[in-house]
Structure formats: structure tokens, C-alpha cells
Protein backbone atom coordinates (compact mmCIF):
# COMPACT_ATOMS: atom_id res chain seq x y z
CA MET A 1 0.00 0.00 0.00
CA ALA A 2 1.22 3.50 -0.82
CA TYR A 3 1.28 6.02 2.00
CA ASP A 4 1.46 9.78 1.96
CA PRO A 5 4.71 10.24 3.90
CA SER A 6 3.67 13.67 5.15
CA GLU A 7 0.47 12.34 6.68
CA VAL A 8 2.21 9.35 8.25
CA LEU A 9 4.94 11.58 9.69
CA VAL A 10 2.45 14.09 11.08
CA LEU A 11 0.56 11.27 12.76
CA TYR A 12 3.69 9.52 14.04
CA LEU A 13 5.24 12.72 15.39
CA GLY A 14 1.97 13.92 16.93
CA ALA A 15 2.02 17.23 15.07
CA GLY A 16 -0.70 19.80 15.51
CA GLU A 17 -2.27 21.84 12.73
CA SER A 18 0.91 23.76 11.93
CA GLY A 19 3.43 21.13 12.95
CA GLY A 20 5.02 20.60 16.31
CA TYR A 21 6.06 17.43 18.03
CA SER A 22 4.73 15.17 20.76
CA PRO A 23 7.61 13.12 22.19
CA MET A 24 5.45 10.32 23.56
CA GLY A 25 3.17 7.76 21.92
CA HIS A 26 4.66 7.53 18.41
CA GLU A 27 4.21 3.80 17.94
CA GLU A 28 0.80 3.78 19.62
CA ARG A 29 -0.56 6.50 17.32
CA LEU A 30 0.70 4.67 14.26
CA ARG A 31 -0.66 1.30 15.42
CA ALA A 32 -4.08 2.84 16.06
CA ALA A 33 -4.16 4.37 12.57
CA PHE A 34 -2.67 1.35 10.75
CA PRO A 35 -3.54 -1.73 12.82
CA ILE A 36 -3.14 -4.18 9.94
CA ASP A 37 -0.17 -2.69 8.12
CA PHE A 38 1.66 -0.86 10.91
CA THR A 39 5.06 -2.21 9.82
CA SER A 40 4.66 -0.95 6.26
CA ALA A 41 3.50 2.46 7.44
CA ARG A 42 6.47 2.72 9.81
CA GLU A 43 8.91 1.66 7.09
CA SER A 44 7.50 4.31 4.74
CA ILE A 45 8.81 7.11 6.99
CA GLU A 46 12.10 5.61 8.12
CA LYS A 47 14.31 7.60 5.72
CA TYR A 48 12.85 10.85 7.03
CA LEU A 49 13.37 9.87 10.64
CA GLN A 50 16.98 8.91 9.89
CA PHE A 51 17.91 12.19 8.23
CA PRO A 52 21.30 13.13 9.66
CA ASP A 53 21.54 15.71 12.38
CA TYR A 54 24.03 18.43 12.33
CA PRO A 55 25.59 18.82 15.75
CA PRO A 56 25.11 21.93 17.84
CA THR A 57 28.87 22.56 17.65
CA GLU A 58 28.23 23.76 14.08
CA TRP A 59 25.88 26.47 15.27
CA ALA A 60 26.95 30.03 14.60
CA SER A 61 25.23 31.03 17.84
CA ASN A 62 23.56 29.46 20.85
CA ASP A 63 20.12 30.25 19.44
CA LEU A 64 18.14 26.99 19.30
CA ALA A 65 15.30 28.58 17.32
CA LEU A 66 17.75 29.75 14.67
CA ALA A 67 19.39 26.31 14.55
CA GLN A 68 15.95 24.67 14.21
CA GLY A 69 15.18 26.96 11.28
CA ILE A 70 18.43 25.96 9.59
CA TYR A 71 17.63 22.30 10.12
CA GLU A 72 14.11 22.85 8.78
CA GLN A 73 15.58 24.39 5.61
CA ARG A 74 17.91 21.40 5.21
CA LEU A 75 14.94 19.03 5.52
CA ALA A 76 12.86 21.00 3.01
CA HIS A 77 15.74 20.94 0.53
CA ALA A 78 16.35 17.20 1.01
CA PHE A 79 12.67 16.21 0.92
CA PRO A 80 10.64 18.55 -1.32
CA GLU A 81 7.84 15.97 -1.39
CA LEU A 82 7.00 16.62 2.28
CA SER A 83 4.44 19.16 3.43
CA ALA A 84 5.48 22.20 5.44
CA ARG A 85 3.64 20.67 8.41
CA ALA A 86 5.65 17.43 8.22
CA ILE A 87 8.92 19.36 7.80
CA ASN A 88 8.09 21.48 10.82
CA ALA A 89 7.27 18.40 12.88
CA LEU A 90 10.61 16.80 11.99
CA ALA A 91 12.45 20.03 12.84
CA CYS A 92 10.61 20.29 16.15
CA ARG A 93 11.62 16.70 16.90
CA TRP A 94 15.23 17.62 16.18
CA SER A 95 14.99 20.68 18.41
CA TYR A 96 13.40 18.70 21.25
CA ARG A 97 16.31 16.27 21.25
CA TRP A 98 18.90 19.09 21.43
CA LYS A 99 17.30 21.40 23.98
């Protein structure tokens, strides 16, 4: 089955209307939405979840919001097929892990 990666990511990451990130319940949300083909749905977003970080030591400043914006731009460039909401959710996930 083909999945819209943006929609699967938004669901998995727990994004709100404009994006965002909910650090708990990823697998549970995906299982509830795809009870029969959970594994396929999860595999369809793996490459996005594995996108390489750039370490905070590369930051030009200590501004996490600025660094998140840079990471969001890198994601948008690497994955033009994703919606702005999915890109924002991935960037918020990155930011959450570094804060």
C-alpha cells in the first residue's frame, strides 16, 4: 500500500495543525491508525526519521530557534515531497532532542 509520507509523519510525530512534536506515543498513534499494516506504514517514513543531524557545535550562535530553522531548511531541501507541516514536525523533533 502506498502512503502519503507527510500524513504518516504528522501522525507519528503527533504534530498539531501547523506542525510541532509530541515526544510520547509515536508507535501507539501509528498502530491505532494502521492496525493491519503498521510495519509498512512505519517503514514508509524511516528515511525521514533517519535524516542526519548536524551537531550543535556547528551552530553560529547558541540560538536553538535559529538552529531549528536551519535544520528545517535542510529538511525542506532534502525532501521537497514533504508538506510544510511534516517538515516542521521533523524540525521540532530535532529541536526537542537538542534542547
